[in-house]
Amino acid sequence: TAVCSTRNVDMARSIGADHVIDYKQENFSRN
């Protein structure tokens, strides 16, 4: 699971991340 900004979500998926959390939309520690 990759955590990155909105503009990098697609890039994170393209390098193999199974799941992506946009930290501007969701807090990984509270989900």
Full PDB file with SEQRES, HELIX, SHEET, SSBOND, CRYST1, ORIGX, SCALE, CONECT and MASTER records, all heavy atoms in Angstrom:
SEQRES   1 A   31  THR ALA VAL CYS SER THR ARG ASN VAL ASP MET ALA ARG          
SEQRES   2 A   31  SER ILE GLY ALA ASP HIS VAL ILE ASP TYR LYS GLN GLU          
SEQRES   3 A   31  ASN PHE SER ARG ASN                                          
HELIX    1 AA1 THR A    6  ASN A    8  5                                   3    
HELIX    2 AA2 VAL A    9  SER A   14  1                                   6    
HELIX    3 AA3 PHE A   28  ARG A   30  5                                   3    
SHEET    1 AA1 2 ALA A   2  CYS A   4  0                                        
SHEET    2 AA1 2 VAL A  20  ASP A  22  1                                        
CRYST1    1.000    1.000    1.000  90.00  90.00  90.00 P 1           1          
ORIGX1      1.000000  0.000000  0.000000        0.00000                         
ORIGX2      0.000000  1.000000  0.000000        0.00000                         
ORIGX3      0.000000  0.000000  1.000000        0.00000                         
SCALE1      1.000000  0.000000  0.000000        0.00000                         
SCALE2      0.000000  1.000000  0.000000        0.00000                         
SCALE3      0.000000  0.000000  1.000000        0.00000                         
ATOM      1  N   THR A   1       0.869  -1.165   0.000  1.00  0.00           N  
ATOM      2  CA  THR A   1       0.000   0.000   0.000  1.00  0.00           C  
ATOM      3  C   THR A   1       0.907   1.216   0.000  1.00  0.00           C  
ATOM      4  O   THR A   1       1.743   1.379   0.896  1.00  0.00           O  
ATOM      5  CB  THR A   1      -0.919   0.024   1.237  1.00  0.00           C  
ATOM      6  OG1 THR A   1      -1.751  -1.135   1.222  1.00  0.00           O  
ATOM      7  CG2 THR A   1      -1.791   1.274   1.251  1.00  0.00           C  
ATOM      8  N   ALA A   2       0.750   2.053  -1.010  1.00  0.00           N  
ATOM      9  CA  ALA A   2       1.573   3.256  -1.159  1.00  0.00           C  
ATOM     10  C   ALA A   2       0.797   4.462  -0.668  1.00  0.00           C  
ATOM     11  O   ALA A   2      -0.405   4.580  -0.926  1.00  0.00           O  
ATOM     12  CB  ALA A   2       1.954   3.439  -2.628  1.00  0.00           C  
ATOM     13  N   VAL A   3       1.476   5.364   0.031  1.00  0.00           N  
ATOM     14  CA  VAL A   3       0.875   6.623   0.450  1.00  0.00           C  
ATOM     15  C   VAL A   3       1.598   7.734  -0.296  1.00  0.00           C  
ATOM     16  O   VAL A   3       2.831   7.829  -0.246  1.00  0.00           O  
ATOM     17  CB  VAL A   3       0.995   6.828   1.978  1.00  0.00           C  
ATOM     18  CG1 VAL A   3       0.379   8.169   2.379  1.00  0.00           C  
ATOM     19  CG2 VAL A   3       0.334   5.683   2.733  1.00  0.00           C  
ATOM     20  N   CYS A   4       0.814   8.554  -1.014  1.00  0.00           N  
ATOM     21  CA  CYS A   4       1.379   9.654  -1.788  1.00  0.00           C  
ATOM     22  C   CYS A   4       0.315  10.711  -2.008  1.00  0.00           C  
ATOM     23  O   CYS A   4      -0.834  10.544  -1.587  1.00  0.00           O  
ATOM     24  CB  CYS A   4       1.927   9.141  -3.124  1.00  0.00           C  
ATOM     25  SG  CYS A   4       0.698   8.373  -4.194  1.00  0.00           S  
ATOM     26  N   SER A   5       0.669  11.783  -2.690  1.00  0.00           N  
ATOM     27  CA  SER A   5      -0.281  12.852  -2.984  1.00  0.00           C  
ATOM     28  C   SER A   5      -1.117  12.495  -4.207  1.00  0.00           C  
ATOM     29  O   SER A   5      -0.790  11.585  -4.974  1.00  0.00           O  
ATOM     30  CB  SER A   5       0.454  14.174  -3.223  1.00  0.00           C  
ATOM     31  OG  SER A   5       1.239  14.081  -4.389  1.00  0.00           O  
ATOM     32  N   THR A   6      -2.177  13.244  -4.385  1.00  0.00           N  
ATOM     33  CA  THR A   6      -3.123  13.028  -5.486  1.00  0.00           C  
ATOM     34  C   THR A   6      -2.423  12.942  -6.838  1.00  0.00           C  
ATOM     35  O   THR A   6      -2.689  12.042  -7.631  1.00  0.00           O  
ATOM     36  CB  THR A   6      -4.155  14.178  -5.528  1.00  0.00           C  
ATOM     37  OG1 THR A   6      -4.728  14.337  -4.227  1.00  0.00           O  
ATOM     38  CG2 THR A   6      -5.236  13.913  -6.546  1.00  0.00           C  
ATOM     39  N   ARG A   7      -1.486  13.851  -7.080  1.00  0.00           N  
ATOM     40  CA  ARG A   7      -0.839  13.897  -8.399  1.00  0.00           C  
ATOM     41  C   ARG A   7       0.031  12.683  -8.688  1.00  0.00           C  
ATOM     42  O   ARG A   7       0.402  12.451  -9.835  1.00  0.00           O  
ATOM     43  CB  ARG A   7      -0.032  15.176  -8.572  1.00  0.00           C  
ATOM     44  CG  ARG A   7       1.207  15.245  -7.713  1.00  0.00           C  
ATOM     45  CD  ARG A   7       1.902  16.590  -7.877  1.00  0.00           C  
ATOM     46  NE  ARG A   7       3.047  16.659  -6.988  1.00  0.00           N  
ATOM     47  CZ  ARG A   7       4.272  16.908  -7.390  1.00  0.00           C  
ATOM     48  NH1 ARG A   7       4.514  17.116  -8.675  1.00  0.00           N  
ATOM     49  NH2 ARG A   7       5.253  16.969  -6.532  1.00  0.00           N  
ATOM     50  N   ASN A   8       0.370  11.880  -7.663  1.00  0.00           N  
ATOM     51  CA  ASN A   8       1.253  10.734  -7.862  1.00  0.00           C  
ATOM     52  C   ASN A   8       0.568   9.375  -7.726  1.00  0.00           C  
ATOM     53  O   ASN A   8       1.245   8.342  -7.777  1.00  0.00           O  
ATOM     54  CB  ASN A   8       2.420  10.825  -6.873  1.00  0.00           C  
ATOM     55  CG  ASN A   8       3.290  12.022  -7.148  1.00  0.00           C  
ATOM     56  OD1 ASN A   8       3.612  12.327  -8.296  1.00  0.00           O  
ATOM     57  ND2 ASN A   8       3.661  12.739  -6.107  1.00  0.00           N  
ATOM     58  N   VAL A   9      -0.741   9.372  -7.578  1.00  0.00           N  
ATOM     59  CA  VAL A   9      -1.481   8.115  -7.401  1.00  0.00           C  
ATOM     60  C   VAL A   9      -1.260   7.169  -8.583  1.00  0.00           C  
ATOM     61  O   VAL A   9      -0.952   5.981  -8.396  1.00  0.00           O  
ATOM     62  CB  VAL A   9      -2.982   8.395  -7.169  1.00  0.00           C  
ATOM     63  CG1 VAL A   9      -3.825   7.135  -7.322  1.00  0.00           C  
ATOM     64  CG2 VAL A   9      -3.199   9.023  -5.795  1.00  0.00           C  
ATOM     65  N   ASP A  10      -1.414   7.672  -9.800  1.00  0.00           N  
ATOM     66  CA  ASP A  10      -1.243   6.814 -10.982  1.00  0.00           C  
ATOM     67  C   ASP A  10       0.187   6.293 -11.098  1.00  0.00           C  
ATOM     68  O   ASP A  10       0.415   5.143 -11.453  1.00  0.00           O  
ATOM     69  CB  ASP A  10      -1.640   7.556 -12.263  1.00  0.00           C  
ATOM     70  CG  ASP A  10      -3.141   7.802 -12.343  1.00  0.00           C  
ATOM     71  OD1 ASP A  10      -3.908   7.054 -11.696  1.00  0.00           O  
ATOM     72  OD2 ASP A  10      -3.546   8.748 -13.049  1.00  0.00           O  
ATOM     73  N   MET A  11       1.158   7.141 -10.791  1.00  0.00           N  
ATOM     74  CA  MET A  11       2.548   6.711 -10.856  1.00  0.00           C  
ATOM     75  C   MET A  11       2.802   5.594  -9.848  1.00  0.00           C  
ATOM     76  O   MET A  11       3.468   4.611 -10.160  1.00  0.00           O  
ATOM     77  CB  MET A  11       3.487   7.892 -10.613  1.00  0.00           C  
ATOM     78  CG  MET A  11       4.959   7.554 -10.824  1.00  0.00           C  
ATOM     79  SD  MET A  11       5.802   7.022  -9.333  1.00  0.00           S  
ATOM     80  CE  MET A  11       5.805   8.512  -8.400  1.00  0.00           C  
ATOM     81  N   ALA A  12       2.271   5.726  -8.630  1.00  0.00           N  
ATOM     82  CA  ALA A  12       2.462   4.691  -7.609  1.00  0.00           C  
ATOM     83  C   ALA A  12       1.881   3.357  -8.081  1.00  0.00           C  
ATOM     84  O   ALA A  12       2.492   2.304  -7.886  1.00  0.00           O  
ATOM     85  CB  ALA A  12       1.835   5.121  -6.289  1.00  0.00           C  
ATOM     86  N   ARG A  13       0.741   3.405  -8.718  1.00  0.00           N  
ATOM     87  CA  ARG A  13       0.156   2.165  -9.271  1.00  0.00           C  
ATOM     88  C   ARG A  13       1.024   1.607 -10.391  1.00  0.00           C  
ATOM     89  O   ARG A  13       1.232   0.400 -10.493  1.00  0.00           O  
ATOM     90  CB  ARG A  13      -1.253   2.427  -9.786  1.00  0.00           C  
ATOM     91  CG  ARG A  13      -2.272   2.563  -8.703  1.00  0.00           C  
ATOM     92  CD  ARG A  13      -3.709   2.537  -9.243  1.00  0.00           C  
ATOM     93  NE  ARG A  13      -4.637   2.666  -8.153  1.00  0.00           N  
ATOM     94  CZ  ARG A  13      -5.306   3.784  -7.856  1.00  0.00           C  
ATOM     95  NH1 ARG A  13      -5.161   4.866  -8.606  1.00  0.00           N  
ATOM     96  NH2 ARG A  13      -6.116   3.830  -6.823  1.00  0.00           N  
ATOM     97  N   SER A  14       1.575   2.502 -11.221  1.00  0.00           N  
ATOM     98  CA  SER A  14       2.357   2.045 -12.374  1.00  0.00           C  
ATOM     99  C   SER A  14       3.659   1.355 -11.966  1.00  0.00           C  
ATOM    100  O   SER A  14       4.192   0.554 -12.728  1.00  0.00           O  
ATOM    101  CB  SER A  14       2.658   3.212 -13.321  1.00  0.00           C  
ATOM    102  OG  SER A  14       3.677   4.046 -12.794  1.00  0.00           O  
ATOM    103  N   ILE A  15       4.171   1.636 -10.768  1.00  0.00           N  
ATOM    104  CA  ILE A  15       5.404   0.974 -10.320  1.00  0.00           C  
ATOM    105  C   ILE A  15       5.111  -0.249  -9.460  1.00  0.00           C  
ATOM    106  O   ILE A  15       6.039  -0.857  -8.925  1.00  0.00           O  
ATOM    107  CB  ILE A  15       6.356   1.949  -9.594  1.00  0.00           C  
ATOM    108  CG1 ILE A  15       5.707   2.554  -8.359  1.00  0.00           C  
ATOM    109  CG2 ILE A  15       6.860   3.008 -10.557  1.00  0.00           C  
ATOM    110  CD1 ILE A  15       6.661   3.359  -7.487  1.00  0.00           C  
ATOM    111  N   GLY A  16       3.812  -0.602  -9.332  1.00  0.00           N  
ATOM    112  CA  GLY A  16       3.493  -1.867  -8.695  1.00  0.00           C  
ATOM    113  C   GLY A  16       2.684  -1.837  -7.421  1.00  0.00           C  
ATOM    114  O   GLY A  16       2.345  -2.896  -6.886  1.00  0.00           O  
ATOM    115  N   ALA A  17       2.360  -0.651  -6.886  1.00  0.00           N  
ATOM    116  CA  ALA A  17       1.578  -0.610  -5.648  1.00  0.00           C  
ATOM    117  C   ALA A  17       0.233  -1.304  -5.852  1.00  0.00           C  
ATOM    118  O   ALA A  17      -0.451  -1.058  -6.843  1.00  0.00           O  
ATOM    119  CB  ALA A  17       1.373   0.827  -5.190  1.00  0.00           C  
ATOM    120  N   ASP A  18      -0.119  -2.185  -4.918  1.00  0.00           N  
ATOM    121  CA  ASP A  18      -1.403  -2.880  -4.986  1.00  0.00           C  
ATOM    122  C   ASP A  18      -2.558  -1.974  -4.576  1.00  0.00           C  
ATOM    123  O   ASP A  18      -3.663  -2.087  -5.093  1.00  0.00           O  
ATOM    124  CB  ASP A  18      -1.377  -4.105  -4.058  1.00  0.00           C  
ATOM    125  CG  ASP A  18      -0.298  -5.087  -4.459  1.00  0.00           C  
ATOM    126  OD1 ASP A  18      -0.425  -5.688  -5.542  1.00  0.00           O  
ATOM    127  OD2 ASP A  18       0.690  -5.242  -3.711  1.00  0.00           O  
ATOM    128  N   HIS A  19      -2.278  -1.099  -3.614  1.00  0.00           N  
ATOM    129  CA  HIS A  19      -3.271  -0.151  -3.103  1.00  0.00           C  
ATOM    130  C   HIS A  19      -2.577   1.190  -2.957  1.00  0.00           C  
ATOM    131  O   HIS A  19      -1.385   1.236  -2.653  1.00  0.00           O  
ATOM    132  CB  HIS A  19      -3.805  -0.597  -1.735  1.00  0.00           C  
ATOM    133  CG  HIS A  19      -4.156  -2.047  -1.674  1.00  0.00           C  
ATOM    134  ND1 HIS A  19      -5.328  -2.552  -2.173  1.00  0.00           N  
ATOM    135  CD2 HIS A  19      -3.451  -3.104  -1.197  1.00  0.00           C  
ATOM    136  CE1 HIS A  19      -5.339  -3.868  -1.993  1.00  0.00           C  
ATOM    137  NE2 HIS A  19      -4.215  -4.221  -1.408  1.00  0.00           N  
ATOM    138  N   VAL A  20      -3.325   2.270  -3.144  1.00  0.00           N  
ATOM    139  CA  VAL A  20      -2.748   3.601  -3.001  1.00  0.00           C  
ATOM    140  C   VAL A  20      -3.658   4.445  -2.128  1.00  0.00           C  
ATOM    141  O   VAL A  20      -4.873   4.479  -2.337  1.00  0.00           O  
ATOM    142  CB  VAL A  20      -2.547   4.289  -4.375  1.00  0.00           C  
ATOM    143  CG1 VAL A  20      -1.924   5.667  -4.199  1.00  0.00           C  
ATOM    144  CG2 VAL A  20      -1.682   3.433  -5.290  1.00  0.00           C  
ATOM    145  N   ILE A  21      -3.062   5.107  -1.159  1.00  0.00           N  
ATOM    146  CA  ILE A  21      -3.784   6.049  -0.312  1.00  0.00           C  
ATOM    147  C   ILE A  21      -3.302   7.445  -0.662  1.00  0.00           C  
ATOM    148  O   ILE A  21      -2.104   7.736  -0.583  1.00  0.00           O  
ATOM    149  CB  ILE A  21      -3.527   5.768   1.189  1.00  0.00           C  
ATOM    150  CG1 ILE A  21      -4.092   4.391   1.569  1.00  0.00           C  
ATOM    151  CG2 ILE A  21      -4.130   6.867   2.058  1.00  0.00           C  
ATOM    152  CD1 ILE A  21      -3.741   3.958   2.988  1.00  0.00           C  
ATOM    153  N   ASP A  22      -4.237   8.292  -1.052  1.00  0.00           N  
ATOM    154  CA  ASP A  22      -3.957   9.700  -1.300  1.00  0.00           C  
ATOM    155  C   ASP A  22      -4.010  10.397   0.055  1.00  0.00           C  
ATOM    156  O   ASP A  22      -5.081  10.529   0.649  1.00  0.00           O  
ATOM    157  CB  ASP A  22      -5.000  10.264  -2.257  1.00  0.00           C  
ATOM    158  CG  ASP A  22      -4.865  11.747  -2.517  1.00  0.00           C  
ATOM    159  OD1 ASP A  22      -4.059  12.429  -1.832  1.00  0.00           O  
ATOM    160  OD2 ASP A  22      -5.576  12.243  -3.404  1.00  0.00           O  
ATOM    161  N   TYR A  23      -2.859  10.831   0.574  1.00  0.00           N  
ATOM    162  CA  TYR A  23      -2.835  11.394   1.921  1.00  0.00           C  
ATOM    163  C   TYR A  23      -3.634  12.684   2.041  1.00  0.00           C  
ATOM    164  O   TYR A  23      -3.990  13.098   3.146  1.00  0.00           O  
ATOM    165  CB  TYR A  23      -1.405  11.585   2.430  1.00  0.00           C  
ATOM    166  CG  TYR A  23      -0.594  12.649   1.745  1.00  0.00           C  
ATOM    167  CD1 TYR A  23      -0.777  14.009   2.014  1.00  0.00           C  
ATOM    168  CD2 TYR A  23       0.389  12.313   0.836  1.00  0.00           C  
ATOM    169  CE1 TYR A  23      -0.031  14.977   1.394  1.00  0.00           C  
ATOM    170  CE2 TYR A  23       1.156  13.273   0.216  1.00  0.00           C  
ATOM    171  CZ  TYR A  23       0.939  14.600   0.492  1.00  0.00           C  
ATOM    172  OH  TYR A  23       1.698  15.559  -0.129  1.00  0.00           O  
ATOM    173  N   LYS A  24      -3.959  13.306   0.910  1.00  0.00           N  
ATOM    174  CA  LYS A  24      -4.783  14.511   0.958  1.00  0.00           C  
ATOM    175  C   LYS A  24      -6.257  14.168   1.178  1.00  0.00           C  
ATOM    176  O   LYS A  24      -7.042  15.022   1.561  1.00  0.00           O  
ATOM    177  CB  LYS A  24      -4.610  15.317  -0.328  1.00  0.00           C  
ATOM    178  CG  LYS A  24      -3.210  15.902  -0.465  1.00  0.00           C  
ATOM    179  CD  LYS A  24      -3.076  16.738  -1.713  1.00  0.00           C  
ATOM    180  CE  LYS A  24      -1.677  17.336  -1.765  1.00  0.00           C  
ATOM    181  NZ  LYS A  24      -1.527  18.255  -2.888  1.00  0.00           N  
ATOM    182  N   GLN A  25      -6.613  12.904   0.921  1.00  0.00           N  
ATOM    183  CA  GLN A  25      -8.003  12.454   1.049  1.00  0.00           C  
ATOM    184  C   GLN A  25      -8.238  11.537   2.244  1.00  0.00           C  
ATOM    185  O   GLN A  25      -9.367  11.420   2.718  1.00  0.00           O  
ATOM    186  CB  GLN A  25      -8.425  11.703  -0.228  1.00  0.00           C  
ATOM    187  CG  GLN A  25      -8.242  12.467  -1.508  1.00  0.00           C  
ATOM    188  CD  GLN A  25      -9.131  13.683  -1.591  1.00  0.00           C  
ATOM    189  OE1 GLN A  25     -10.273  13.644  -1.166  1.00  0.00           O  
ATOM    190  NE2 GLN A  25      -8.609  14.784  -2.113  1.00  0.00           N  
ATOM    191  N   GLU A  26      -7.190  10.861   2.706  1.00  0.00           N  
ATOM    192  CA  GLU A  26      -7.374   9.826   3.723  1.00  0.00           C  
ATOM    193  C   GLU A  26      -6.139   9.760   4.627  1.00  0.00           C  
ATOM    194  O   GLU A  26      -5.010   9.829   4.149  1.00  0.00           O  
ATOM    195  CB  GLU A  26      -7.573   8.480   3.018  1.00  0.00           C  
ATOM    196  CG  GLU A  26      -7.791   7.311   3.918  1.00  0.00           C  
ATOM    197  CD  GLU A  26      -7.968   6.000   3.130  1.00  0.00           C  
ATOM    198  OE1 GLU A  26      -8.133   6.033   1.891  1.00  0.00           O  
ATOM    199  OE2 GLU A  26      -7.939   4.958   3.776  1.00  0.00           O  
ATOM    200  N   ASN A  27      -6.366   9.591   5.921  1.00  0.00           N  
ATOM    201  CA  ASN A  27      -5.285   9.445   6.888  1.00  0.00           C  
ATOM    202  C   ASN A  27      -5.058   7.952   7.115  1.00  0.00           C  
ATOM    203  O   ASN A  27      -5.928   7.267   7.643  1.00  0.00           O  
ATOM    204  CB  ASN A  27      -5.651  10.140   8.198  1.00  0.00           C  
ATOM    205  CG  ASN A  27      -4.553  10.087   9.227  1.00  0.00           C  
ATOM    206  OD1 ASN A  27      -3.714   9.186   9.223  1.00  0.00           O  
ATOM    207  ND2 ASN A  27      -4.559  11.051  10.124  1.00  0.00           N  
ATOM    208  N   PHE A  28      -3.891   7.447   6.731  1.00  0.00           N  
ATOM    209  CA  PHE A  28      -3.600   6.025   6.836  1.00  0.00           C  
ATOM    210  C   PHE A  28      -3.736   5.521   8.272  1.00  0.00           C  
ATOM    211  O   PHE A  28      -4.062   4.362   8.500  1.00  0.00           O  
ATOM    212  CB  PHE A  28      -2.181   5.719   6.333  1.00  0.00           C  
ATOM    213  CG  PHE A  28      -1.100   6.093   7.311  1.00  0.00           C  
ATOM    214  CD1 PHE A  28      -0.622   5.178   8.232  1.00  0.00           C  
ATOM    215  CD2 PHE A  28      -0.564   7.375   7.319  1.00  0.00           C  
ATOM    216  CE1 PHE A  28       0.357   5.525   9.145  1.00  0.00           C  
ATOM    217  CE2 PHE A  28       0.415   7.728   8.215  1.00  0.00           C  
ATOM    218  CZ  PHE A  28       0.875   6.809   9.133  1.00  0.00           C  
ATOM    219  N   SER A  29      -3.486   6.375   9.252  1.00  0.00           N  
ATOM    220  CA  SER A  29      -3.491   5.924  10.642  1.00  0.00           C  
ATOM    221  C   SER A  29      -4.890   5.892  11.252  1.00  0.00           C  
ATOM    222  O   SER A  29      -5.070   5.391  12.356  1.00  0.00           O  
ATOM    223  CB  SER A  29      -2.570   6.807  11.497  1.00  0.00           C  
ATOM    224  OG  SER A  29      -3.144   8.076  11.716  1.00  0.00           O  
ATOM    225  N   ARG A  30      -5.876   6.388  10.520  1.00  0.00           N  
ATOM    226  CA  ARG A  30      -7.234   6.454  11.068  1.00  0.00           C  
ATOM    227  C   ARG A  30      -8.259   5.720  10.204  1.00  0.00           C  
ATOM    228  O   ARG A  30      -9.457   5.856  10.418  1.00  0.00           O  
ATOM    229  CB  ARG A  30      -7.648   7.899  11.247  1.00  0.00           C  
ATOM    230  CG  ARG A  30      -6.712   8.655  12.177  1.00  0.00           C  
ATOM    231  CD  ARG A  30      -7.362   9.872  12.759  1.00  0.00           C  
ATOM    232  NE  ARG A  30      -6.459  10.583  13.631  1.00  0.00           N  
ATOM    233  CZ  ARG A  30      -6.304  10.330  14.925  1.00  0.00           C  
ATOM    234  NH1 ARG A  30      -6.983   9.366  15.488  1.00  0.00           N  
ATOM    235  NH2 ARG A  30      -5.470  11.060  15.640  1.00  0.00           N  
ATOM    236  N   ASN A  31      -7.783   4.932   9.216  1.00  0.00           N  
ATOM    237  CA  ASN A  31      -8.720   4.250   8.326  1.00  0.00           C  
ATOM    238  C   ASN A  31      -9.068   2.830   8.781  1.00  0.00           C  
ATOM    239  O   ASN A  31      -9.811   2.119   8.115  1.00  0.00           O  
ATOM    240  CB  ASN A  31      -8.212   4.240   6.873  1.00  0.00           C  
ATOM    241  CG  ASN A  31      -6.931   3.456   6.704  1.00  0.00           C  
ATOM    242  OD1 ASN A  31      -6.523   2.688   7.567  1.00  0.00           O  
ATOM    243  ND2 ASN A  31      -6.289   3.649   5.565  1.00  0.00           N  
TER     244      ASN A  31                                                      
MASTER        0    0    0    3    2    0    0    6  243    1    0    3          
END                                                                             
